[in-house]
Structure formats: structure tokens, C-alpha cells
Amino acid sequence: MKIYIKNMVCHRCIMVVHSELEKSGFTPLSVSLGEVVFEKELAVSDQEIIAKTLQNVGFEIIEDHKKKGVEKVKTLIIDLVQNQNSALKNTLSDYLSTQLDCDYKSITTIFTELEGTTIEKYFIAQKIEKVKELLVYNELTLSEIAFQLQYSSVAHLSNQFKSVTGLTPSYFKNLRSDRRIPLDQVQAK
């Protein structure tokens, strides 16, 4: 049995979900971003216990088929930006279509319907959060950040950053305040 979980955005989330399930007496076969697989079907009472356990630590079980698809898209995008440095070999649409084994048009239609924004805007919002993170760490130059996140140029990154945040990357970096938001709360405007 596979259950889908909302708000899993990083490897720590995987560890927390796995730990909480084990504390509650459940042994999953695998836990990955947005999914937990069990060896067999769970009783309704067990599913309720799991839902409550996960809710107590900020996660939510997704039961609607469309919402599962949207959450999978978000998980793939977050993983792509956070863990793979946006390393797309082709286009985002090709990547998502391949990963989800589904037509991109239907993916984007459902995503826009449920999220009120496009997949592309969500992807940009995630990339800008990664730029903020890297600026706050102050370990890479803006050129290195642009290269790492596959921007065509520093100017492109700067224009997109200002468009989304209203600030230039340099001004943001000089603020020295934590203006980042949790990845599961990133909303495209």
C-alpha cells in the first residue's frame, strides 16, 4: 500500500516521517519525498492513526487523485532545485512528463486548477528560494549561483529575482536578515 503525504520537502522530512511511523508501531517498506510504501494494505483504523501522527508533525495524507498528482509535481520540482541544482537535461515539461509518465498538458491543467498558478511560476519561485538560501550562506558569487541553477546569465537571474522579490540580489544579500520561507509554503505570485 502506498500513501501520499503533503509537505515533505527534504531529507529531514523523510527521517521525521520514518521515525514517527516507527514510534507509532508501523514499519514502512520505504519512505521517500511525498510517499510511504507499506508491505500490505492498512486497516482504516491504522490509516487514521498514521494521519493523526503525521498531522502532529506538520504533514498531511493526500487522498484525492488530483491532489496526489499536484503534490508529486511539487516534490519533483523541489527535489530538482534543492538536490539536483536544477540539472535539467531537456525542458521542465519533458522532465515532468517523463517522471510522471503523463502528458504535460494534463499535468499543467490540473496543477493550475488546484494551485492557482502555473508549474513554471512554481518552478521559478522554488529557484528564487534557492537563490535566497545561497545568498544568505554567502559562499558563492552571483555568477556561481547563476551557473549552478542553470540561469543563462547573471542578468537573467537578477531580473527574475527582482521580479519575484521586488529586490535585487545584492540588496537582499546586504539586508542580512532571514527573508527565506519554508519550501512547502513557497507560493508563486
N, C-alpha and C. Protein backbone atom coordinates (compact mmCIF):
# COMPACT_ATOMS: atom_id res chain seq x y z
N MET A 1 0.85 -1.18 0.00
CA MET A 1 0.00 0.00 0.00
C MET A 1 0.89 1.23 0.00
N LYS A 2 0.50 2.21 -0.78
CA LYS A 2 1.24 3.45 -0.87
C LYS A 2 0.35 4.59 -0.38
N ILE A 3 0.90 5.46 0.48
CA ILE A 3 0.18 6.66 0.88
C ILE A 3 1.00 7.86 0.44
N TYR A 4 0.29 8.92 0.10
CA TYR A 4 0.93 10.15 -0.35
C TYR A 4 0.81 11.19 0.76
N ILE A 5 1.91 11.91 0.96
CA ILE A 5 1.98 12.84 2.08
C ILE A 5 2.35 14.23 1.59
N LYS A 6 1.59 15.20 2.05
CA LYS A 6 1.82 16.59 1.70
C LYS A 6 2.82 17.20 2.67
N ASN A 7 3.61 18.15 2.18
CA ASN A 7 4.57 18.95 2.94
C ASN A 7 5.91 18.27 3.18
N MET A 8 6.17 17.15 2.53
CA MET A 8 7.51 16.54 2.63
C MET A 8 8.39 17.22 1.59
N VAL A 9 9.40 17.94 2.03
CA VAL A 9 10.19 18.74 1.10
C VAL A 9 11.69 18.50 1.17
N CYS A 10 12.14 17.67 2.10
CA CYS A 10 13.59 17.50 2.25
C CYS A 10 13.89 16.14 2.89
N HIS A 11 15.17 15.85 2.98
CA HIS A 11 15.59 14.57 3.56
C HIS A 11 15.26 14.49 5.05
N ARG A 12 15.27 15.62 5.73
CA ARG A 12 14.88 15.60 7.15
C ARG A 12 13.41 15.21 7.31
N CYS A 13 12.59 15.64 6.36
CA CYS A 13 11.18 15.26 6.39
C CYS A 13 11.04 13.74 6.29
N ILE A 14 11.84 13.14 5.41
CA ILE A 14 11.81 11.69 5.26
C ILE A 14 12.17 11.02 6.58
N MET A 15 13.21 11.52 7.24
CA MET A 15 13.64 10.95 8.52
C MET A 15 12.57 11.11 9.58
N VAL A 16 11.93 12.28 9.62
CA VAL A 16 10.88 12.53 10.62
C VAL A 16 9.70 11.60 10.40
N VAL A 17 9.25 11.49 9.16
CA VAL A 17 8.11 10.62 8.85
C VAL A 17 8.44 9.18 9.21
N HIS A 18 9.60 8.71 8.81
CA HIS A 18 10.02 7.34 9.11
C HIS A 18 10.05 7.12 10.62
N SER A 19 10.65 8.04 11.34
CA SER A 19 10.77 7.93 12.80
C SER A 19 9.40 7.93 13.48
N GLU A 20 8.54 8.83 13.07
CA GLU A 20 7.20 8.93 13.68
C GLU A 20 6.37 7.68 13.41
N LEU A 21 6.50 7.13 12.21
CA LEU A 21 5.77 5.90 11.90
C LEU A 21 6.27 4.75 12.76
N GLU A 22 7.58 4.64 12.91
CA GLU A 22 8.13 3.57 13.74
C GLU A 22 7.73 3.74 15.21
N LYS A 23 7.72 4.98 15.70
CA LYS A 23 7.29 5.23 17.08
C LYS A 23 5.85 4.78 17.30
N SER A 24 5.05 4.89 16.22
CA SER A 24 3.64 4.50 16.31
C SER A 24 3.43 3.02 16.02
N GLY A 25 4.51 2.29 15.80
CA GLY A 25 4.41 0.84 15.60
C GLY A 25 4.26 0.39 14.16
N PHE A 26 4.53 1.26 13.20
CA PHE A 26 4.41 0.90 11.79
C PHE A 26 5.80 0.78 11.17
N THR A 27 5.94 -0.19 10.28
CA THR A 27 7.23 -0.40 9.62
C THR A 27 7.04 -0.27 8.11
N PRO A 28 7.35 0.90 7.58
CA PRO A 28 7.19 1.09 6.14
C PRO A 28 8.30 0.38 5.37
N LEU A 29 7.97 -0.06 4.15
CA LEU A 29 8.98 -0.63 3.27
C LEU A 29 9.93 0.45 2.79
N SER A 30 9.36 1.61 2.47
CA SER A 30 10.18 2.74 2.04
C SER A 30 9.48 4.05 2.33
N VAL A 31 10.30 5.08 2.54
CA VAL A 31 9.80 6.44 2.73
C VAL A 31 10.62 7.33 1.80
N SER A 32 9.94 8.04 0.93
CA SER A 32 10.61 8.98 0.03
C SER A 32 9.81 10.29 0.04
N LEU A 33 10.31 11.28 -0.66
CA LEU A 33 9.61 12.56 -0.68
C LEU A 33 8.17 12.38 -1.16
N GLY A 34 7.23 12.66 -0.29
CA GLY A 34 5.82 12.61 -0.64
C GLY A 34 5.17 11.25 -0.63
N GLU A 35 5.91 10.17 -0.32
CA GLU A 35 5.34 8.83 -0.39
C GLU A 35 5.86 7.92 0.72
N VAL A 36 4.96 7.06 1.19
CA VAL A 36 5.34 5.99 2.10
C VAL A 36 4.73 4.71 1.55
N VAL A 37 5.54 3.67 1.48
CA VAL A 37 5.06 2.38 0.96
C VAL A 37 5.08 1.37 2.11
N PHE A 38 3.95 0.68 2.27
CA PHE A 38 3.83 -0.38 3.26
C PHE A 38 3.71 -1.71 2.52
N GLU A 39 4.07 -2.78 3.19
CA GLU A 39 4.06 -4.11 2.57
C GLU A 39 2.64 -4.54 2.20
N LYS A 40 1.67 -4.22 3.06
CA LYS A 40 0.30 -4.66 2.79
C LYS A 40 -0.68 -3.53 3.06
N GLU A 41 -1.92 -3.77 2.69
CA GLU A 41 -2.97 -2.79 2.94
C GLU A 41 -3.10 -2.53 4.43
N LEU A 42 -3.38 -1.29 4.78
CA LEU A 42 -3.56 -0.92 6.18
C LEU A 42 -5.05 -0.84 6.50
N ALA A 43 -5.38 -1.25 7.71
CA ALA A 43 -6.76 -1.12 8.17
C ALA A 43 -7.10 0.37 8.26
N VAL A 44 -8.37 0.69 8.14
CA VAL A 44 -8.82 2.08 8.24
C VAL A 44 -8.38 2.70 9.56
N SER A 45 -8.45 1.93 10.64
CA SER A 45 -8.04 2.45 11.95
C SER A 45 -6.54 2.78 11.95
N ASP A 46 -5.74 1.95 11.30
CA ASP A 46 -4.30 2.23 11.20
C ASP A 46 -4.04 3.48 10.35
N GLN A 47 -4.79 3.63 9.28
CA GLN A 47 -4.64 4.81 8.43
C GLN A 47 -4.98 6.09 9.21
N GLU A 48 -5.99 5.99 10.07
CA GLU A 48 -6.36 7.15 10.89
C GLU A 48 -5.26 7.49 11.89
N ILE A 49 -4.67 6.47 12.49
CA ILE A 49 -3.57 6.68 13.44
C ILE A 49 -2.39 7.34 12.72
N ILE A 50 -2.06 6.84 11.55
CA ILE A 50 -0.96 7.41 10.77
C ILE A 50 -1.26 8.86 10.40
N ALA A 51 -2.48 9.13 9.96
CA ALA A 51 -2.85 10.50 9.59
C ALA A 51 -2.68 11.45 10.77
N LYS A 52 -3.14 11.02 11.95
CA LYS A 52 -3.05 11.88 13.14
C LYS A 52 -1.57 12.05 13.56
N THR A 53 -0.83 10.97 13.52
CA THR A 53 0.60 11.02 13.88
C THR A 53 1.34 12.00 12.97
N LEU A 54 1.10 11.91 11.68
CA LEU A 54 1.78 12.78 10.74
C LEU A 54 1.30 14.22 10.84
N GLN A 55 0.03 14.38 11.10
CA GLN A 55 -0.52 15.73 11.25
C GLN A 55 0.14 16.44 12.44
N ASN A 56 0.44 15.70 13.50
CA ASN A 56 1.07 16.30 14.68
C ASN A 56 2.46 16.86 14.40
N VAL A 57 3.10 16.39 13.33
CA VAL A 57 4.43 16.90 12.98
C VAL A 57 4.41 17.69 11.67
N GLY A 58 3.23 18.14 11.25
CA GLY A 58 3.12 19.07 10.13
C GLY A 58 2.91 18.47 8.75
N PHE A 59 2.56 17.20 8.70
CA PHE A 59 2.32 16.55 7.41
C PHE A 59 0.85 16.18 7.27
N GLU A 60 0.45 15.88 6.05
CA GLU A 60 -0.96 15.56 5.79
C GLU A 60 -1.04 14.47 4.73
N ILE A 61 -1.89 13.51 4.96
CA ILE A 61 -2.11 12.46 3.96
C ILE A 61 -3.03 13.01 2.87
N ILE A 62 -2.67 12.73 1.64
CA ILE A 62 -3.45 13.19 0.49
C ILE A 62 -4.25 12.02 -0.05
N GLU A 63 -5.55 12.23 -0.19
CA GLU A 63 -6.40 11.14 -0.67
C GLU A 63 -6.97 11.40 -2.06
N ASP A 64 -7.12 12.65 -2.43
CA ASP A 64 -7.66 13.00 -3.74
C ASP A 64 -6.62 12.73 -4.84
N HIS A 65 -7.03 12.08 -5.91
CA HIS A 65 -6.12 11.70 -7.00
C HIS A 65 -5.44 12.91 -7.63
N LYS A 66 -6.20 13.98 -7.88
CA LYS A 66 -5.63 15.18 -8.48
C LYS A 66 -4.61 15.82 -7.53
N LYS A 67 -4.94 15.86 -6.26
CA LYS A 67 -4.02 16.46 -5.28
C LYS A 67 -2.73 15.64 -5.18
N LYS A 68 -2.86 14.33 -5.32
CA LYS A 68 -1.66 13.47 -5.31
C LYS A 68 -0.74 13.84 -6.47
N GLY A 69 -1.34 14.05 -7.62
CA GLY A 69 -0.55 14.43 -8.80
C GLY A 69 0.14 15.77 -8.61
N VAL A 70 -0.59 16.73 -8.07
CA VAL A 70 -0.01 18.06 -7.83
C VAL A 70 1.13 17.97 -6.82
N GLU A 71 0.92 17.20 -5.78
CA GLU A 71 1.96 17.06 -4.76
C GLU A 71 3.19 16.37 -5.34
N LYS A 72 2.99 15.43 -6.24
CA LYS A 72 4.11 14.75 -6.89
C LYS A 72 4.89 15.75 -7.74
N VAL A 73 4.19 16.62 -8.46
CA VAL A 73 4.84 17.66 -9.26
C VAL A 73 5.69 18.56 -8.35
N LYS A 74 5.09 19.00 -7.26
CA LYS A 74 5.82 19.86 -6.32
C LYS A 74 7.06 19.16 -5.77
N THR A 75 6.91 17.91 -5.40
CA THR A 75 8.02 17.14 -4.86
C THR A 75 9.14 17.01 -5.88
N LEU A 76 8.79 16.73 -7.13
CA LEU A 76 9.80 16.61 -8.19
C LEU A 76 10.53 17.93 -8.41
N ILE A 77 9.79 19.03 -8.40
CA ILE A 77 10.40 20.34 -8.62
C ILE A 77 11.30 20.71 -7.44
N ILE A 78 10.83 20.50 -6.23
CA ILE A 78 11.66 20.81 -5.05
C ILE A 78 12.93 19.97 -5.07
N ASP A 79 12.80 18.69 -5.37
CA ASP A 79 13.98 17.83 -5.43
C ASP A 79 14.94 18.29 -6.53
N LEU A 80 14.39 18.67 -7.66
CA LEU A 80 15.21 19.14 -8.78
C LEU A 80 16.00 20.39 -8.38
N VAL A 81 15.35 21.34 -7.74
CA VAL A 81 16.01 22.60 -7.37
C VAL A 81 16.95 22.41 -6.17
N GLN A 82 16.49 21.70 -5.16
CA GLN A 82 17.27 21.59 -3.92
C GLN A 82 18.40 20.57 -4.00
N ASN A 83 18.18 19.47 -4.67
CA ASN A 83 19.15 18.38 -4.63
C ASN A 83 19.88 18.12 -5.94
N GLN A 84 19.34 18.60 -7.04
CA GLN A 84 19.96 18.33 -8.33
C GLN A 84 20.44 19.60 -9.02
N ASN A 85 20.43 20.73 -8.28
CA ASN A 85 20.88 22.01 -8.83
C ASN A 85 20.21 22.35 -10.16
N SER A 86 18.92 22.05 -10.23
CA SER A 86 18.12 22.33 -11.42
C SER A 86 18.70 21.70 -12.68
N ALA A 87 19.33 20.56 -12.54
CA ALA A 87 20.04 19.92 -13.66
C ALA A 87 19.07 19.27 -14.64
N LEU A 88 18.41 20.09 -15.41
CA LEU A 88 17.50 19.59 -16.44
C LEU A 88 18.29 19.27 -17.70
N LYS A 89 18.07 18.10 -18.24
CA LYS A 89 18.72 17.73 -19.50
C LYS A 89 17.91 18.29 -20.68
N ASN A 90 16.62 18.35 -20.53
CA ASN A 90 15.73 18.91 -21.56
C ASN A 90 14.95 20.06 -20.94
N THR A 91 13.67 20.08 -21.17
CA THR A 91 12.82 21.13 -20.61
C THR A 91 12.12 20.61 -19.35
N LEU A 92 11.61 21.53 -18.56
CA LEU A 92 10.86 21.14 -17.36
C LEU A 92 9.66 20.29 -17.75
N SER A 93 8.99 20.66 -18.82
CA SER A 93 7.81 19.89 -19.25
C SER A 93 8.19 18.46 -19.63
N ASP A 94 9.31 18.29 -20.33
CA ASP A 94 9.77 16.93 -20.68
C ASP A 94 10.13 16.15 -19.43
N TYR A 95 10.82 16.80 -18.51
CA TYR A 95 11.23 16.16 -17.26
C TYR A 95 10.02 15.65 -16.48
N LEU A 96 9.03 16.52 -16.30
CA LEU A 96 7.84 16.14 -15.53
C LEU A 96 7.03 15.06 -16.26
N SER A 97 6.89 15.20 -17.55
CA SER A 97 6.15 14.19 -18.33
C SER A 97 6.80 12.82 -18.19
N THR A 98 8.12 12.80 -18.26
CA THR A 98 8.85 11.53 -18.15
C THR A 98 8.72 10.96 -16.75
N GLN A 99 8.95 11.79 -15.74
CA GLN A 99 8.91 11.32 -14.35
C GLN A 99 7.52 10.83 -13.95
N LEU A 100 6.48 11.50 -14.45
CA LEU A 100 5.12 11.15 -14.06
C LEU A 100 4.43 10.23 -15.07
N ASP A 101 5.11 9.96 -16.18
CA ASP A 101 4.55 9.13 -17.24
C ASP A 101 3.15 9.61 -17.61
N CYS A 102 3.08 10.91 -17.90
CA CYS A 102 1.79 11.53 -18.18
C CYS A 102 2.00 12.69 -19.14
N ASP A 103 0.98 13.03 -19.89
CA ASP A 103 1.02 14.15 -20.81
C ASP A 103 1.14 15.47 -20.04
N TYR A 104 2.07 16.32 -20.45
CA TYR A 104 2.33 17.57 -19.73
C TYR A 104 1.10 18.47 -19.70
N LYS A 105 0.35 18.50 -20.78
CA LYS A 105 -0.83 19.36 -20.82
C LYS A 105 -1.81 19.01 -19.70
N SER A 106 -2.03 17.73 -19.46
CA SER A 106 -2.96 17.35 -18.38
C SER A 106 -2.34 17.65 -17.02
N ILE A 107 -1.02 17.47 -16.89
CA ILE A 107 -0.35 17.78 -15.62
C ILE A 107 -0.52 19.26 -15.30
N THR A 108 -0.22 20.11 -16.27
CA THR A 108 -0.26 21.56 -16.03
C THR A 108 -1.68 22.07 -15.82
N THR A 109 -2.64 21.46 -16.49
CA THR A 109 -4.04 21.87 -16.32
C THR A 109 -4.50 21.61 -14.89
N ILE A 110 -4.23 20.42 -14.38
CA ILE A 110 -4.63 20.06 -13.01
C ILE A 110 -3.86 20.91 -12.00
N PHE A 111 -2.56 21.10 -12.22
CA PHE A 111 -1.74 21.90 -11.30
C PHE A 111 -2.30 23.32 -11.20
N THR A 112 -2.55 23.95 -12.33
CA THR A 112 -3.05 25.32 -12.35
C THR A 112 -4.43 25.40 -11.71
N GLU A 113 -5.27 24.41 -11.98
CA GLU A 113 -6.62 24.37 -11.41
C GLU A 113 -6.57 24.33 -9.88
N LEU A 114 -5.71 23.49 -9.32
CA LEU A 114 -5.68 23.31 -7.87
C LEU A 114 -4.79 24.32 -7.15
N GLU A 115 -3.73 24.79 -7.80
CA GLU A 115 -2.78 25.68 -7.14
C GLU A 115 -3.00 27.16 -7.46
N GLY A 116 -3.72 27.44 -8.54
CA GLY A 116 -3.96 28.84 -8.89
C GLY A 116 -2.73 29.52 -9.48
N THR A 117 -1.76 28.75 -9.89
CA THR A 117 -0.55 29.27 -10.54
C THR A 117 -0.04 28.21 -11.50
N THR A 118 0.87 28.60 -12.36
CA THR A 118 1.40 27.64 -13.33
C THR A 118 2.58 26.88 -12.73
N ILE A 119 2.90 25.76 -13.34
CA ILE A 119 4.06 24.97 -12.94
C ILE A 119 5.33 25.80 -13.12
N GLU A 120 5.41 26.55 -14.21
CA GLU A 120 6.60 27.35 -14.48
C GLU A 120 6.82 28.39 -13.39
N LYS A 121 5.74 29.06 -12.97
CA LYS A 121 5.87 30.06 -11.90
C LYS A 121 6.26 29.40 -10.59
N TYR A 122 5.74 28.23 -10.33
CA TYR A 122 6.11 27.50 -9.11
C TYR A 122 7.59 27.13 -9.16
N PHE A 123 8.06 26.67 -10.32
CA PHE A 123 9.47 26.32 -10.50
C PHE A 123 10.36 27.54 -10.27
N ILE A 124 9.97 28.67 -10.83
CA ILE A 124 10.74 29.91 -10.64
C ILE A 124 10.75 30.30 -9.17
N ALA A 125 9.62 30.20 -8.49
CA ALA A 125 9.55 30.54 -7.06
C ALA A 125 10.49 29.65 -6.25
N GLN A 126 10.55 28.38 -6.58
CA GLN A 126 11.46 27.47 -5.88
C GLN A 126 12.91 27.84 -6.15
N LYS A 127 13.23 28.17 -7.41
CA LYS A 127 14.59 28.55 -7.74
C LYS A 127 14.99 29.83 -7.01
N ILE A 128 14.08 30.78 -6.90
CA ILE A 128 14.39 32.04 -6.21
C ILE A 128 14.63 31.77 -4.73
N GLU A 129 13.88 30.85 -4.13
CA GLU A 129 14.14 30.48 -2.72
C GLU A 129 15.53 29.87 -2.57
N LYS A 130 15.93 29.09 -3.55
CA LYS A 130 17.28 28.50 -3.52
C LYS A 130 18.33 29.61 -3.66
N VAL A 131 18.08 30.58 -4.52
CA VAL A 131 19.00 31.72 -4.67
C VAL A 131 19.11 32.45 -3.33
N LYS A 132 17.97 32.69 -2.67
CA LYS A 132 18.00 33.36 -1.36
C LYS A 132 18.86 32.58 -0.38
N GLU A 133 18.67 31.27 -0.35
CA GLU A 133 19.44 30.42 0.55
C GLU A 133 20.94 30.57 0.27
N LEU A 134 21.31 30.50 -0.99
CA LEU A 134 22.72 30.59 -1.35
C LEU A 134 23.28 31.98 -1.08
N LEU A 135 22.47 33.01 -1.25
CA LEU A 135 22.92 34.37 -0.92
C LEU A 135 23.15 34.53 0.58
N VAL A 136 22.25 33.97 1.38
CA VAL A 136 22.38 34.05 2.83
C VAL A 136 23.64 33.31 3.30
N TYR A 137 23.94 32.17 2.69
CA TYR A 137 25.15 31.41 3.06
C TYR A 137 26.42 32.17 2.72
N ASN A 138 26.34 33.03 1.69
CA ASN A 138 27.45 33.89 1.31
C ASN A 138 28.71 33.10 0.93
N GLU A 139 28.53 31.93 0.34
CA GLU A 139 29.67 31.10 -0.05
C GLU A 139 29.94 31.15 -1.55
N LEU A 140 28.95 31.54 -2.34
CA LEU A 140 29.10 31.56 -3.79
C LEU A 140 28.86 32.98 -4.31
N THR A 141 29.52 33.29 -5.43
CA THR A 141 29.25 34.57 -6.08
C THR A 141 27.93 34.44 -6.84
N LEU A 142 27.40 35.57 -7.25
CA LEU A 142 26.15 35.56 -8.02
C LEU A 142 26.36 34.81 -9.34
N SER A 143 27.53 34.93 -9.93
CA SER A 143 27.84 34.19 -11.16
C SER A 143 27.80 32.68 -10.91
N GLU A 144 28.38 32.26 -9.80
CA GLU A 144 28.37 30.83 -9.47
C GLU A 144 26.96 30.32 -9.19
N ILE A 145 26.16 31.15 -8.53
CA ILE A 145 24.77 30.78 -8.26
C ILE A 145 24.00 30.65 -9.57
N ALA A 146 24.19 31.63 -10.47
CA ALA A 146 23.51 31.59 -11.77
C ALA A 146 23.89 30.33 -12.53
N PHE A 147 25.16 29.98 -12.52
CA PHE A 147 25.62 28.78 -13.21
C PHE A 147 25.03 27.53 -12.56
N GLN A 148 25.09 27.46 -11.23
CA GLN A 148 24.59 26.28 -10.51
C GLN A 148 23.12 26.04 -10.77
N LEU A 149 22.33 27.09 -10.85
CA LEU A 149 20.89 26.94 -11.05
C LEU A 149 20.47 27.06 -12.51
N GLN A 150 21.44 26.98 -13.39
CA GLN A 150 21.23 26.96 -14.83
C GLN A 150 20.51 28.20 -15.39
N TYR A 151 20.84 29.35 -14.86
CA TYR A 151 20.36 30.59 -15.47
C TYR A 151 21.27 30.89 -16.65
N SER A 152 20.72 31.51 -17.67
CA SER A 152 21.52 31.80 -18.87
C SER A 152 22.57 32.88 -18.60
N SER A 153 22.31 33.73 -17.60
CA SER A 153 23.26 34.79 -17.26
C SER A 153 22.94 35.33 -15.87
N VAL A 154 23.87 36.11 -15.32
CA VAL A 154 23.63 36.77 -14.04
C VAL A 154 22.50 37.78 -14.19
N ALA A 155 22.46 38.43 -15.35
CA ALA A 155 21.39 39.42 -15.60
C ALA A 155 20.01 38.75 -15.57
N HIS A 156 19.91 37.57 -16.16
CA HIS A 156 18.64 36.83 -16.16
C HIS A 156 18.23 36.49 -14.73
N LEU A 157 19.18 35.96 -13.94
CA LEU A 157 18.90 35.64 -12.54
C LEU A 157 18.47 36.90 -11.79
N SER A 158 19.21 37.99 -11.96
CA SER A 158 18.91 39.24 -11.25
C SER A 158 17.54 39.78 -11.60
N ASN A 159 17.20 39.74 -12.90
CA ASN A 159 15.89 40.23 -13.33
C ASN A 159 14.77 39.38 -12.76
N GLN A 160 14.95 38.05 -12.79
CA GLN A 160 13.93 37.16 -12.25
C GLN A 160 13.81 37.33 -10.74
N PHE A 161 14.92 37.46 -10.05
CA PHE A 161 14.93 37.66 -8.60
C PHE A 161 14.17 38.93 -8.24
N LYS A 162 14.47 40.03 -8.95
CA LYS A 162 13.79 41.30 -8.66
C LYS A 162 12.30 41.22 -8.99
N SER A 163 11.98 40.52 -10.06
CA SER A 163 10.58 40.37 -10.45
C SER A 163 9.77 39.64 -9.37
N VAL A 164 10.38 38.62 -8.76
CA VAL A 164 9.69 37.82 -7.75
C VAL A 164 9.71 38.48 -6.38
N THR A 165 10.86 39.04 -5.98
CA THR A 165 11.01 39.55 -4.60
C THR A 165 10.84 41.05 -4.48
N GLY A 166 11.01 41.76 -5.58
CA GLY A 166 10.99 43.22 -5.52
C GLY A 166 12.34 43.81 -5.12
N LEU A 167 13.33 42.95 -4.93
CA LEU A 167 14.66 43.38 -4.50
C LEU A 167 15.71 42.85 -5.47
N THR A 168 16.82 43.54 -5.56
CA THR A 168 17.94 42.99 -6.32
C THR A 168 18.64 41.96 -5.44
N PRO A 169 19.33 41.01 -6.03
CA PRO A 169 20.07 40.04 -5.22
C PRO A 169 21.07 40.71 -4.28
N SER A 170 21.75 41.76 -4.77
CA SER A 170 22.74 42.46 -3.93
C SER A 170 22.08 43.12 -2.74
N TYR A 171 20.93 43.76 -2.96
CA TYR A 171 20.23 44.41 -1.86
C TYR A 171 19.75 43.36 -0.85
N PHE A 172 19.21 42.27 -1.36
CA PHE A 172 18.77 41.18 -0.49
C PHE A 172 19.93 40.67 0.36
N LYS A 173 21.07 40.45 -0.26
CA LYS A 173 22.25 39.94 0.43
C LYS A 173 22.70 40.90 1.54
N ASN A 174 22.58 42.18 1.28
CA ASN A 174 23.00 43.19 2.26
C ASN A 174 22.01 43.39 3.39
N LEU A 175 20.81 42.91 3.25
CA LEU A 175 19.81 43.05 4.31
C LEU A 175 20.24 42.31 5.58
N ARG A 176 20.93 41.19 5.37
CA ARG A 176 21.42 40.36 6.48
C ARG A 176 20.30 39.91 7.42
N SER A 177 19.10 39.82 6.88
CA SER A 177 18.01 39.30 7.70
C SER A 177 17.47 38.05 7.03
N ASP A 178 16.84 37.22 7.79
CA ASP A 178 16.33 35.95 7.27
C ASP A 178 15.01 36.20 6.57
N ARG A 179 15.04 36.36 5.26
CA ARG A 179 13.84 36.62 4.49
C ARG A 179 13.37 35.38 3.76
N ARG A 180 13.89 34.23 4.15
CA ARG A 180 13.51 32.99 3.50
C ARG A 180 12.25 32.44 4.14
N ILE A 181 11.54 31.62 3.37
CA ILE A 181 10.33 30.98 3.88
C ILE A 181 10.46 29.48 3.66
N PRO A 182 9.75 28.68 4.48
CA PRO A 182 9.83 27.22 4.31
C PRO A 182 9.39 26.80 2.90
N LEU A 183 10.05 25.78 2.35
CA LEU A 183 9.79 25.37 0.96
C LEU A 183 8.35 24.94 0.72
N ASP A 184 7.72 24.34 1.71
CA ASP A 184 6.34 23.91 1.49
C ASP A 184 5.35 25.06 1.53
N GLN A 185 5.84 26.28 1.84
CA GLN A 185 4.97 27.44 1.88
C GLN A 185 5.27 28.42 0.75
N VAL A 186 6.17 28.06 -0.16
CA VAL A 186 6.51 28.92 -1.29
C VAL A 186 5.31 28.97 -2.22
N GLN A 187 4.89 30.19 -2.53
CA GLN A 187 3.76 30.40 -3.44
C GLN A 187 4.21 31.29 -4.58
N ALA A 188 3.90 30.94 -5.79
CA ALA A 188 4.19 31.79 -6.94
C ALA A 188 3.16 32.89 -6.99
N LYS A 189 3.59 34.05 -7.38
CA LYS A 189 2.67 35.20 -7.46
C LYS A 189 2.29 35.51 -8.85
